[in-house]
mmCIF file of all heavy atoms, coordinates in Angstrom:
data_MODEL
# 
_entry.id   MODEL 
# 
loop_
_atom_site.group_PDB 
_atom_site.id 
_atom_site.type_symbol 
_atom_site.label_atom_id 
_atom_site.label_alt_id 
_atom_site.label_comp_id 
_atom_site.label_asym_id 
_atom_site.label_entity_id 
_atom_site.label_seq_id 
_atom_site.pdbx_PDB_ins_code 
_atom_site.Cartn_x 
_atom_site.Cartn_y 
_atom_site.Cartn_z 
_atom_site.occupancy 
_atom_site.B_iso_or_equiv 
_atom_site.pdbx_formal_charge 
_atom_site.auth_seq_id 
_atom_site.auth_comp_id 
_atom_site.auth_asym_id 
_atom_site.auth_atom_id 
_atom_site.pdbx_PDB_model_num 
ATOM 1   N N   . ALA A 1 1  ? 110.252 101.809 31.717 1.00 0.00 ? 1  ALA A N   1 
ATOM 2   C CA  . ALA A 1 1  ? 110.899 101.678 33.032 1.00 0.00 ? 1  ALA A CA  1 
ATOM 3   C C   . ALA A 1 1  ? 111.769 100.424 33.082 1.00 0.00 ? 1  ALA A C   1 
ATOM 4   O O   . ALA A 1 1  ? 112.891 100.450 33.616 1.00 0.00 ? 1  ALA A O   1 
ATOM 5   C CB  . ALA A 1 1  ? 109.836 101.644 34.130 1.00 0.00 ? 1  ALA A CB  1 
ATOM 6   N N   . LEU A 1 2  ? 111.269 99.322  32.549 1.00 0.00 ? 2  LEU A N   1 
ATOM 7   C CA  . LEU A 1 2  ? 112.060 98.101  32.516 1.00 0.00 ? 2  LEU A CA  1 
ATOM 8   C C   . LEU A 1 2  ? 113.281 98.252  31.613 1.00 0.00 ? 2  LEU A C   1 
ATOM 9   O O   . LEU A 1 2  ? 114.380 97.804  31.956 1.00 0.00 ? 2  LEU A O   1 
ATOM 10  C CB  . LEU A 1 2  ? 111.194 96.925  32.050 1.00 0.00 ? 2  LEU A CB  1 
ATOM 11  C CG  . LEU A 1 2  ? 110.274 96.334  33.108 1.00 0.00 ? 2  LEU A CG  1 
ATOM 12  C CD1 . LEU A 1 2  ? 109.177 95.487  32.465 1.00 0.00 ? 2  LEU A CD1 1 
ATOM 13  C CD2 . LEU A 1 2  ? 111.065 95.491  34.112 1.00 0.00 ? 2  LEU A CD2 1 
ATOM 14  N N   . LEU A 1 3  ? 113.108 98.895  30.473 1.00 0.00 ? 3  LEU A N   1 
ATOM 15  C CA  . LEU A 1 3  ? 114.249 99.146  29.584 1.00 0.00 ? 3  LEU A CA  1 
ATOM 16  C C   . LEU A 1 3  ? 115.295 100.019 30.272 1.00 0.00 ? 3  LEU A C   1 
ATOM 17  O O   . LEU A 1 3  ? 116.503 99.756  30.179 1.00 0.00 ? 3  LEU A O   1 
ATOM 18  C CB  . LEU A 1 3  ? 113.763 99.817  28.294 1.00 0.00 ? 3  LEU A CB  1 
ATOM 19  C CG  . LEU A 1 3  ? 113.008 98.910  27.318 1.00 0.00 ? 3  LEU A CG  1 
ATOM 20  C CD1 . LEU A 1 3  ? 112.267 99.743  26.265 1.00 0.00 ? 3  LEU A CD1 1 
ATOM 21  C CD2 . LEU A 1 3  ? 113.964 97.942  26.635 1.00 0.00 ? 3  LEU A CD2 1 
ATOM 22  N N   . ASP A 1 4  ? 114.842 101.050 30.977 1.00 0.00 ? 4  ASP A N   1 
ATOM 23  C CA  . ASP A 1 4  ? 115.772 101.923 31.697 1.00 0.00 ? 4  ASP A CA  1 
ATOM 24  C C   . ASP A 1 4  ? 116.501 101.161 32.796 1.00 0.00 ? 4  ASP A C   1 
ATOM 25  O O   . ASP A 1 4  ? 117.710 101.360 33.012 1.00 0.00 ? 4  ASP A O   1 
ATOM 26  C CB  . ASP A 1 4  ? 115.024 103.116 32.296 1.00 0.00 ? 4  ASP A CB  1 
ATOM 27  C CG  . ASP A 1 4  ? 114.538 104.107 31.249 1.00 0.00 ? 4  ASP A CG  1 
ATOM 28  O OD1 . ASP A 1 4  ? 115.018 104.048 30.101 1.00 0.00 ? 4  ASP A OD1 1 
ATOM 29  O OD2 . ASP A 1 4  ? 113.670 104.942 31.584 1.00 0.00 ? 4  ASP A OD2 1 
ATOM 30  N N   . ALA A 1 5  ? 115.794 100.285 33.485 1.00 0.00 ? 5  ALA A N   1 
ATOM 31  C CA  . ALA A 1 5  ? 116.416 99.494  34.546 1.00 0.00 ? 5  ALA A CA  1 
ATOM 32  C C   . ALA A 1 5  ? 117.507 98.588  33.989 1.00 0.00 ? 5  ALA A C   1 
ATOM 33  O O   . ALA A 1 5  ? 118.594 98.458  34.576 1.00 0.00 ? 5  ALA A O   1 
ATOM 34  C CB  . ALA A 1 5  ? 115.354 98.675  35.272 1.00 0.00 ? 5  ALA A CB  1 
ATOM 35  N N   . LEU A 1 6  ? 117.237 97.968  32.846 1.00 0.00 ? 6  LEU A N   1 
ATOM 36  C CA  . LEU A 1 6  ? 118.243 97.105  32.229 1.00 0.00 ? 6  LEU A CA  1 
ATOM 37  C C   . LEU A 1 6  ? 119.458 97.914  31.780 1.00 0.00 ? 6  LEU A C   1 
ATOM 38  O O   . LEU A 1 6  ? 120.607 97.456  31.888 1.00 0.00 ? 6  LEU A O   1 
ATOM 39  C CB  . LEU A 1 6  ? 117.635 96.336  31.060 1.00 0.00 ? 6  LEU A CB  1 
ATOM 40  C CG  . LEU A 1 6  ? 116.542 95.326  31.429 1.00 0.00 ? 6  LEU A CG  1 
ATOM 41  C CD1 . LEU A 1 6  ? 115.982 94.660  30.181 1.00 0.00 ? 6  LEU A CD1 1 
ATOM 42  C CD2 . LEU A 1 6  ? 117.051 94.276  32.410 1.00 0.00 ? 6  LEU A CD2 1 
ATOM 43  N N   . ASP A 1 7  ? 119.224 99.124  31.274 1.00 0.00 ? 7  ASP A N   1 
ATOM 44  C CA  . ASP A 1 7  ? 120.342 99.990  30.897 1.00 0.00 ? 7  ASP A CA  1 
ATOM 45  C C   . ASP A 1 7  ? 121.189 100.361 32.111 1.00 0.00 ? 7  ASP A C   1 
ATOM 46  O O   . ASP A 1 7  ? 122.425 100.363 32.050 1.00 0.00 ? 7  ASP A O   1 
ATOM 47  C CB  . ASP A 1 7  ? 119.824 101.266 30.225 1.00 0.00 ? 7  ASP A CB  1 
ATOM 48  C CG  . ASP A 1 7  ? 119.420 101.054 28.770 1.00 0.00 ? 7  ASP A CG  1 
ATOM 49  O OD1 . ASP A 1 7  ? 119.730 99.980  28.215 1.00 0.00 ? 7  ASP A OD1 1 
ATOM 50  O OD2 . ASP A 1 7  ? 118.796 101.958 28.200 1.00 0.00 ? 7  ASP A OD2 1 
ATOM 51  N N   . LEU A 1 8  ? 120.534 100.683 33.208 1.00 0.00 ? 8  LEU A N   1 
ATOM 52  C CA  . LEU A 1 8  ? 121.267 101.020 34.426 1.00 0.00 ? 8  LEU A CA  1 
ATOM 53  C C   . LEU A 1 8  ? 122.117 99.847  34.907 1.00 0.00 ? 8  LEU A C   1 
ATOM 54  O O   . LEU A 1 8  ? 123.278 100.022 35.317 1.00 0.00 ? 8  LEU A O   1 
ATOM 55  C CB  . LEU A 1 8  ? 120.299 101.457 35.526 1.00 0.00 ? 8  LEU A CB  1 
ATOM 56  C CG  . LEU A 1 8  ? 119.702 102.860 35.370 1.00 0.00 ? 8  LEU A CG  1 
ATOM 57  C CD1 . LEU A 1 8  ? 118.504 103.045 36.301 1.00 0.00 ? 8  LEU A CD1 1 
ATOM 58  C CD2 . LEU A 1 8  ? 120.758 103.929 35.661 1.00 0.00 ? 8  LEU A CD2 1 
ATOM 59  N N   . LEU A 1 9  ? 121.576 98.651  34.837 1.00 0.00 ? 9  LEU A N   1 
ATOM 60  C CA  . LEU A 1 9  ? 122.324 97.485  35.283 1.00 0.00 ? 9  LEU A CA  1 
ATOM 61  C C   . LEU A 1 9  ? 123.493 97.165  34.350 1.00 0.00 ? 9  LEU A C   1 
ATOM 62  O O   . LEU A 1 9  ? 124.572 96.775  34.804 1.00 0.00 ? 9  LEU A O   1 
ATOM 63  C CB  . LEU A 1 9  ? 121.401 96.274  35.385 1.00 0.00 ? 9  LEU A CB  1 
ATOM 64  C CG  . LEU A 1 9  ? 120.408 96.314  36.551 1.00 0.00 ? 9  LEU A CG  1 
ATOM 65  C CD1 . LEU A 1 9  ? 119.412 95.165  36.439 1.00 0.00 ? 9  LEU A CD1 1 
ATOM 66  C CD2 . LEU A 1 9  ? 121.132 96.247  37.891 1.00 0.00 ? 9  LEU A CD2 1 
ATOM 67  N N   . GLU A 1 10 ? 123.286 97.366  33.056 1.00 0.00 ? 10 GLU A N   1 
ATOM 68  C CA  . GLU A 1 10 ? 124.359 97.037  32.115 1.00 0.00 ? 10 GLU A CA  1 
ATOM 69  C C   . GLU A 1 10 ? 125.430 98.120  32.041 1.00 0.00 ? 10 GLU A C   1 
ATOM 70  O O   . GLU A 1 10 ? 126.622 97.811  31.951 1.00 0.00 ? 10 GLU A O   1 
ATOM 71  C CB  . GLU A 1 10 ? 123.791 96.786  30.720 1.00 0.00 ? 10 GLU A CB  1 
ATOM 72  C CG  . GLU A 1 10 ? 124.879 96.409  29.723 1.00 0.00 ? 10 GLU A CG  1 
ATOM 73  C CD  . GLU A 1 10 ? 124.370 96.065  28.329 1.00 0.00 ? 10 GLU A CD  1 
ATOM 74  O OE1 . GLU A 1 10 ? 123.151 96.136  28.107 1.00 0.00 ? 10 GLU A OE1 1 
ATOM 75  O OE2 . GLU A 1 10 ? 125.213 95.722  27.478 1.00 0.00 ? 10 GLU A OE2 1 
ATOM 76  N N   . PHE A 1 11 ? 125.014 99.387  32.086 1.00 0.00 ? 11 PHE A N   1 
ATOM 77  C CA  . PHE A 1 11 ? 125.958 100.461 31.755 1.00 0.00 ? 11 PHE A CA  1 
ATOM 78  C C   . PHE A 1 11 ? 126.395 101.336 32.922 1.00 0.00 ? 11 PHE A C   1 
ATOM 79  O O   . PHE A 1 11 ? 127.338 102.115 32.786 1.00 0.00 ? 11 PHE A O   1 
ATOM 80  C CB  . PHE A 1 11 ? 125.353 101.345 30.659 1.00 0.00 ? 11 PHE A CB  1 
ATOM 81  C CG  . PHE A 1 11 ? 125.034 100.595 29.395 1.00 0.00 ? 11 PHE A CG  1 
ATOM 82  C CD1 . PHE A 1 11 ? 123.726 100.504 28.937 1.00 0.00 ? 11 PHE A CD1 1 
ATOM 83  C CD2 . PHE A 1 11 ? 126.033 99.950  28.682 1.00 0.00 ? 11 PHE A CD2 1 
ATOM 84  C CE1 . PHE A 1 11 ? 123.422 99.799  27.777 1.00 0.00 ? 11 PHE A CE1 1 
ATOM 85  C CE2 . PHE A 1 11 ? 125.740 99.237  27.520 1.00 0.00 ? 11 PHE A CE2 1 
ATOM 86  C CZ  . PHE A 1 11 ? 124.430 99.165  27.070 1.00 0.00 ? 11 PHE A CZ  1 
ATOM 87  N N   . SER A 1 12 ? 125.725 101.236 34.069 1.00 0.00 ? 12 SER A N   1 
ATOM 88  C CA  . SER A 1 12 ? 126.157 102.040 35.213 1.00 0.00 ? 12 SER A CA  1 
ATOM 89  C C   . SER A 1 12 ? 127.524 101.563 35.715 1.00 0.00 ? 12 SER A C   1 
ATOM 90  O O   . SER A 1 12 ? 127.730 100.355 35.906 1.00 0.00 ? 12 SER A O   1 
ATOM 91  C CB  . SER A 1 12 ? 125.135 101.945 36.349 1.00 0.00 ? 12 SER A CB  1 
ATOM 92  O OG  . SER A 1 12 ? 125.674 102.517 37.535 1.00 0.00 ? 12 SER A OG  1 
ATOM 93  N N   . PRO A 1 13 ? 128.464 102.475 35.971 1.00 0.00 ? 13 PRO A N   1 
ATOM 94  C CA  . PRO A 1 13 ? 129.790 102.058 36.447 1.00 0.00 ? 13 PRO A CA  1 
ATOM 95  C C   . PRO A 1 13 ? 129.806 101.649 37.916 1.00 0.00 ? 13 PRO A C   1 
ATOM 96  O O   . PRO A 1 13 ? 130.816 101.122 38.392 1.00 0.00 ? 13 PRO A O   1 
ATOM 97  C CB  . PRO A 1 13 ? 130.635 103.318 36.220 1.00 0.00 ? 13 PRO A CB  1 
ATOM 98  C CG  . PRO A 1 13 ? 129.662 104.442 36.320 1.00 0.00 ? 13 PRO A CG  1 
ATOM 99  C CD  . PRO A 1 13 ? 128.376 103.927 35.741 1.00 0.00 ? 13 PRO A CD  1 
ATOM 100 N N   . THR A 1 14 ? 128.708 101.885 38.636 1.00 0.00 ? 14 THR A N   1 
ATOM 101 C CA  . THR A 1 14 ? 128.712 101.617 40.072 1.00 0.00 ? 14 THR A CA  1 
ATOM 102 C C   . THR A 1 14 ? 127.786 100.484 40.504 1.00 0.00 ? 14 THR A C   1 
ATOM 103 O O   . THR A 1 14 ? 128.071 99.797  41.484 1.00 0.00 ? 14 THR A O   1 
ATOM 104 C CB  . THR A 1 14 ? 128.319 102.890 40.849 1.00 0.00 ? 14 THR A CB  1 
ATOM 105 O OG1 . THR A 1 14 ? 127.025 103.332 40.405 1.00 0.00 ? 14 THR A OG1 1 
ATOM 106 C CG2 . THR A 1 14 ? 129.337 103.994 40.624 1.00 0.00 ? 14 THR A CG2 1 
ATOM 107 N N   . ILE A 1 15 ? 126.672 100.268 39.800 1.00 0.00 ? 15 ILE A N   1 
ATOM 108 C CA  . ILE A 1 15 ? 125.706 99.254  40.251 1.00 0.00 ? 15 ILE A CA  1 
ATOM 109 C C   . ILE A 1 15 ? 126.232 97.848  40.022 1.00 0.00 ? 15 ILE A C   1 
ATOM 110 O O   . ILE A 1 15 ? 126.234 97.002  40.925 1.00 0.00 ? 15 ILE A O   1 
ATOM 111 C CB  . ILE A 1 15 ? 124.350 99.443  39.550 1.00 0.00 ? 15 ILE A CB  1 
ATOM 112 C CG1 . ILE A 1 15 ? 123.760 100.817 39.889 1.00 0.00 ? 15 ILE A CG1 1 
ATOM 113 C CG2 . ILE A 1 15 ? 123.379 98.332  39.962 1.00 0.00 ? 15 ILE A CG2 1 
ATOM 114 C CD1 . ILE A 1 15 ? 122.522 101.152 39.096 1.00 0.00 ? 15 ILE A CD1 1 
ATOM 115 N N   . CYS A 1 16 ? 126.685 97.592  38.816 1.00 0.00 ? 16 CYS A N   1 
ATOM 116 C CA  . CYS A 1 16 ? 127.185 96.256  38.466 1.00 0.00 ? 16 CYS A CA  1 
ATOM 117 C C   . CYS A 1 16 ? 128.473 96.410  37.663 1.00 0.00 ? 16 CYS A C   1 
ATOM 118 O O   . CYS A 1 16 ? 128.517 96.095  36.474 1.00 0.00 ? 16 CYS A O   1 
ATOM 119 C CB  . CYS A 1 16 ? 126.115 95.504  37.678 1.00 0.00 ? 16 CYS A CB  1 
ATOM 120 S SG  . CYS A 1 16 ? 126.542 93.801  37.279 1.00 0.00 ? 16 CYS A SG  1 
ATOM 121 N N   . PRO A 1 17 ? 129.539 96.900  38.285 1.00 0.00 ? 17 PRO A N   1 
ATOM 122 C CA  . PRO A 1 17 ? 130.755 97.252  37.542 1.00 0.00 ? 17 PRO A CA  1 
ATOM 123 C C   . PRO A 1 17 ? 131.439 96.068  36.873 1.00 0.00 ? 17 PRO A C   1 
ATOM 124 O O   . PRO A 1 17 ? 132.081 96.228  35.835 1.00 0.00 ? 17 PRO A O   1 
ATOM 125 C CB  . PRO A 1 17 ? 131.661 97.882  38.614 1.00 0.00 ? 17 PRO A CB  1 
ATOM 126 C CG  . PRO A 1 17 ? 131.146 97.352  39.911 1.00 0.00 ? 17 PRO A CG  1 
ATOM 127 C CD  . PRO A 1 17 ? 129.673 97.177  39.727 1.00 0.00 ? 17 PRO A CD  1 
ATOM 128 N N   . SER A 1 18 ? 131.313 94.876  37.440 1.00 0.00 ? 18 SER A N   1 
ATOM 129 C CA  . SER A 1 18 ? 131.988 93.712  36.863 1.00 0.00 ? 18 SER A CA  1 
ATOM 130 C C   . SER A 1 18 ? 131.195 93.064  35.741 1.00 0.00 ? 18 SER A C   1 
ATOM 131 O O   . SER A 1 18 ? 131.667 92.152  35.072 1.00 0.00 ? 18 SER A O   1 
ATOM 132 C CB  . SER A 1 18 ? 132.251 92.667  37.947 1.00 0.00 ? 18 SER A CB  1 
ATOM 133 O OG  . SER A 1 18 ? 131.037 92.247  38.540 1.00 0.00 ? 18 SER A OG  1 
ATOM 134 N N   . LYS A 1 19 ? 129.946 93.551  35.543 1.00 0.00 ? 19 LYS A N   1 
ATOM 135 C CA  . LYS A 1 19 ? 129.083 93.049  34.465 1.00 0.00 ? 19 LYS A CA  1 
ATOM 136 C C   . LYS A 1 19 ? 128.783 91.561  34.573 1.00 0.00 ? 19 LYS A C   1 
ATOM 137 O O   . LYS A 1 19 ? 128.557 90.884  33.564 1.00 0.00 ? 19 LYS A O   1 
ATOM 138 C CB  . LYS A 1 19 ? 129.673 93.376  33.080 1.00 0.00 ? 19 LYS A CB  1 
ATOM 139 C CG  . LYS A 1 19 ? 129.997 94.843  32.876 1.00 0.00 ? 19 LYS A CG  1 
ATOM 140 C CD  . LYS A 1 19 ? 128.832 95.747  33.220 1.00 0.00 ? 19 LYS A CD  1 
ATOM 141 C CE  . LYS A 1 19 ? 129.209 97.225  33.137 1.00 0.00 ? 19 LYS A CE  1 
ATOM 142 N NZ  . LYS A 1 19 ? 128.216 98.107  33.748 1.00 0.00 ? 19 LYS A NZ  1 
ATOM 143 N N   . ASP A 1 20 ? 128.840 91.044  35.792 1.00 0.00 ? 20 ASP A N   1 
ATOM 144 C CA  . ASP A 1 20 ? 128.336 89.690  35.984 1.00 0.00 ? 20 ASP A CA  1 
ATOM 145 C C   . ASP A 1 20 ? 127.262 89.739  37.068 1.00 0.00 ? 20 ASP A C   1 
ATOM 146 O O   . ASP A 1 20 ? 127.080 90.750  37.742 1.00 0.00 ? 20 ASP A O   1 
ATOM 147 C CB  . ASP A 1 20 ? 129.453 88.704  36.341 1.00 0.00 ? 20 ASP A CB  1 
ATOM 148 C CG  . ASP A 1 20 ? 130.244 89.141  37.564 1.00 0.00 ? 20 ASP A CG  1 
ATOM 149 O OD1 . ASP A 1 20 ? 129.947 90.209  38.116 1.00 0.00 ? 20 ASP A OD1 1 
ATOM 150 O OD2 . ASP A 1 20 ? 131.172 88.413  37.966 1.00 0.00 ? 20 ASP A OD2 1 
ATOM 151 N N   . GLY A 1 21 ? 126.535 88.671  37.199 1.00 0.00 ? 21 GLY A N   1 
ATOM 152 C CA  . GLY A 1 21 ? 125.397 88.655  38.092 1.00 0.00 ? 21 GLY A CA  1 
ATOM 153 C C   . GLY A 1 21 ? 124.165 88.172  37.364 1.00 0.00 ? 21 GLY A C   1 
ATOM 154 O O   . GLY A 1 21 ? 124.231 87.710  36.220 1.00 0.00 ? 21 GLY A O   1 
ATOM 155 N N   . VAL A 1 22 ? 123.018 88.273  38.020 1.00 0.00 ? 22 VAL A N   1 
ATOM 156 C CA  . VAL A 1 22 ? 121.751 87.770  37.491 1.00 0.00 ? 22 VAL A CA  1 
ATOM 157 C C   . VAL A 1 22 ? 120.672 88.822  37.721 1.00 0.00 ? 22 VAL A C   1 
ATOM 158 O O   . VAL A 1 22 ? 120.636 89.455  38.782 1.00 0.00 ? 22 VAL A O   1 
ATOM 159 C CB  . VAL A 1 22 ? 121.344 86.455  38.194 1.00 0.00 ? 22 VAL A CB  1 
ATOM 160 C CG1 . VAL A 1 22 ? 120.000 85.943  37.677 1.00 0.00 ? 22 VAL A CG1 1 
ATOM 161 C CG2 . VAL A 1 22 ? 122.423 85.399  38.010 1.00 0.00 ? 22 VAL A CG2 1 
ATOM 162 N N   . VAL A 1 23 ? 119.796 89.001  36.730 1.00 0.00 ? 23 VAL A N   1 
ATOM 163 C CA  . VAL A 1 23 ? 118.674 89.934  36.844 1.00 0.00 ? 23 VAL A CA  1 
ATOM 164 C C   . VAL A 1 23 ? 117.394 89.128  37.041 1.00 0.00 ? 23 VAL A C   1 
ATOM 165 O O   . VAL A 1 23 ? 117.106 88.199  36.268 1.00 0.00 ? 23 VAL A O   1 
ATOM 166 C CB  . VAL A 1 23 ? 118.545 90.819  35.590 1.00 0.00 ? 23 VAL A CB  1 
ATOM 167 C CG1 . VAL A 1 23 ? 117.326 91.739  35.707 1.00 0.00 ? 23 VAL A CG1 1 
ATOM 168 C CG2 . VAL A 1 23 ? 119.808 91.638  35.394 1.00 0.00 ? 23 VAL A CG2 1 
ATOM 169 N N   . VAL A 1 24 ? 116.640 89.489  38.066 1.00 0.00 ? 24 VAL A N   1 
ATOM 170 C CA  . VAL A 1 24 ? 115.376 88.809  38.379 1.00 0.00 ? 24 VAL A CA  1 
ATOM 171 C C   . VAL A 1 24 ? 114.256 89.844  38.346 1.00 0.00 ? 24 VAL A C   1 
ATOM 172 O O   . VAL A 1 24 ? 114.406 90.929  38.911 1.00 0.00 ? 24 VAL A O   1 
ATOM 173 C CB  . VAL A 1 24 ? 115.430 88.148  39.773 1.00 0.00 ? 24 VAL A CB  1 
ATOM 174 C CG1 . VAL A 1 24 ? 114.113 87.434  40.082 1.00 0.00 ? 24 VAL A CG1 1 
ATOM 175 C CG2 . VAL A 1 24 ? 116.602 87.178  39.867 1.00 0.00 ? 24 VAL A CG2 1 
ATOM 176 N N   . THR A 1 25 ? 113.160 89.530  37.684 1.00 0.00 ? 25 THR A N   1 
ATOM 177 C CA  . THR A 1 25 ? 111.983 90.400  37.732 1.00 0.00 ? 25 THR A CA  1 
ATOM 178 C C   . THR A 1 25 ? 110.890 89.725  38.541 1.00 0.00 ? 25 THR A C   1 
ATOM 179 O O   . THR A 1 25 ? 110.721 88.500  38.489 1.00 0.00 ? 25 THR A O   1 
ATOM 180 C CB  . THR A 1 25 ? 111.432 90.725  36.327 1.00 0.00 ? 25 THR A CB  1 
ATOM 181 O OG1 . THR A 1 25 ? 110.961 89.518  35.710 1.00 0.00 ? 25 THR A OG1 1 
ATOM 182 C CG2 . THR A 1 25 ? 112.503 91.364  35.444 1.00 0.00 ? 25 THR A CG2 1 
ATOM 183 N N   . THR A 1 26 ? 110.141 90.533  39.284 1.00 0.00 ? 26 THR A N   1 
ATOM 184 C CA  . THR A 1 26 ? 109.003 90.011  40.035 1.00 0.00 ? 26 THR A CA  1 
ATOM 185 C C   . THR A 1 26 ? 108.030 91.150  40.287 1.00 0.00 ? 26 THR A C   1 
ATOM 186 O O   . THR A 1 26 ? 108.211 92.260  39.772 1.00 0.00 ? 26 THR A O   1 
ATOM 187 C CB  . THR A 1 26 ? 109.442 89.332  41.343 1.00 0.00 ? 26 THR A CB  1 
ATOM 188 O OG1 . THR A 1 26 ? 108.351 88.556  41.858 1.00 0.00 ? 26 THR A OG1 1 
ATOM 189 C CG2 . THR A 1 26 ? 109.886 90.347  42.381 1.00 0.00 ? 26 THR A CG2 1 
ATOM 190 N N   . SER A 1 27 ? 107.003 90.875  41.071 1.00 0.00 ? 27 SER A N   1 
ATOM 191 C CA  . SER A 1 27 ? 105.944 91.842  41.318 1.00 0.00 ? 27 SER A CA  1 
ATOM 192 C C   . SER A 1 27 ? 105.788 92.105  42.808 1.00 0.00 ? 27 SER A C   1 
ATOM 193 O O   . SER A 1 27 ? 105.943 91.202  43.633 1.00 0.00 ? 27 SER A O   1 
ATOM 194 C CB  . SER A 1 27 ? 104.619 91.305  40.756 1.00 0.00 ? 27 SER A CB  1 
ATOM 195 O OG  . SER A 1 27 ? 103.522 92.065  41.205 1.00 0.00 ? 27 SER A OG  1 
ATOM 196 N N   . ALA A 1 28 ? 105.451 93.350  43.144 1.00 0.00 ? 28 ALA A N   1 
ATOM 197 C CA  . ALA A 1 28 ? 105.118 93.696  44.527 1.00 0.00 ? 28 ALA A CA  1 
ATOM 198 C C   . ALA A 1 28 ? 103.666 93.375  44.846 1.00 0.00 ? 28 ALA A C   1 
ATOM 199 O O   . ALA A 1 28 ? 103.243 93.483  45.995 1.00 0.00 ? 28 ALA A O   1 
ATOM 200 C CB  . ALA A 1 28 ? 105.379 95.185  44.758 1.00 0.00 ? 28 ALA A CB  1 
# 
């Protein structure tokens, strides 16, 4: 699930199109 999330953030054309930003992990 974490690997898939990172793929979505890196390769999705709509979530992070400019490929900049910061990824934060935490717990519910």
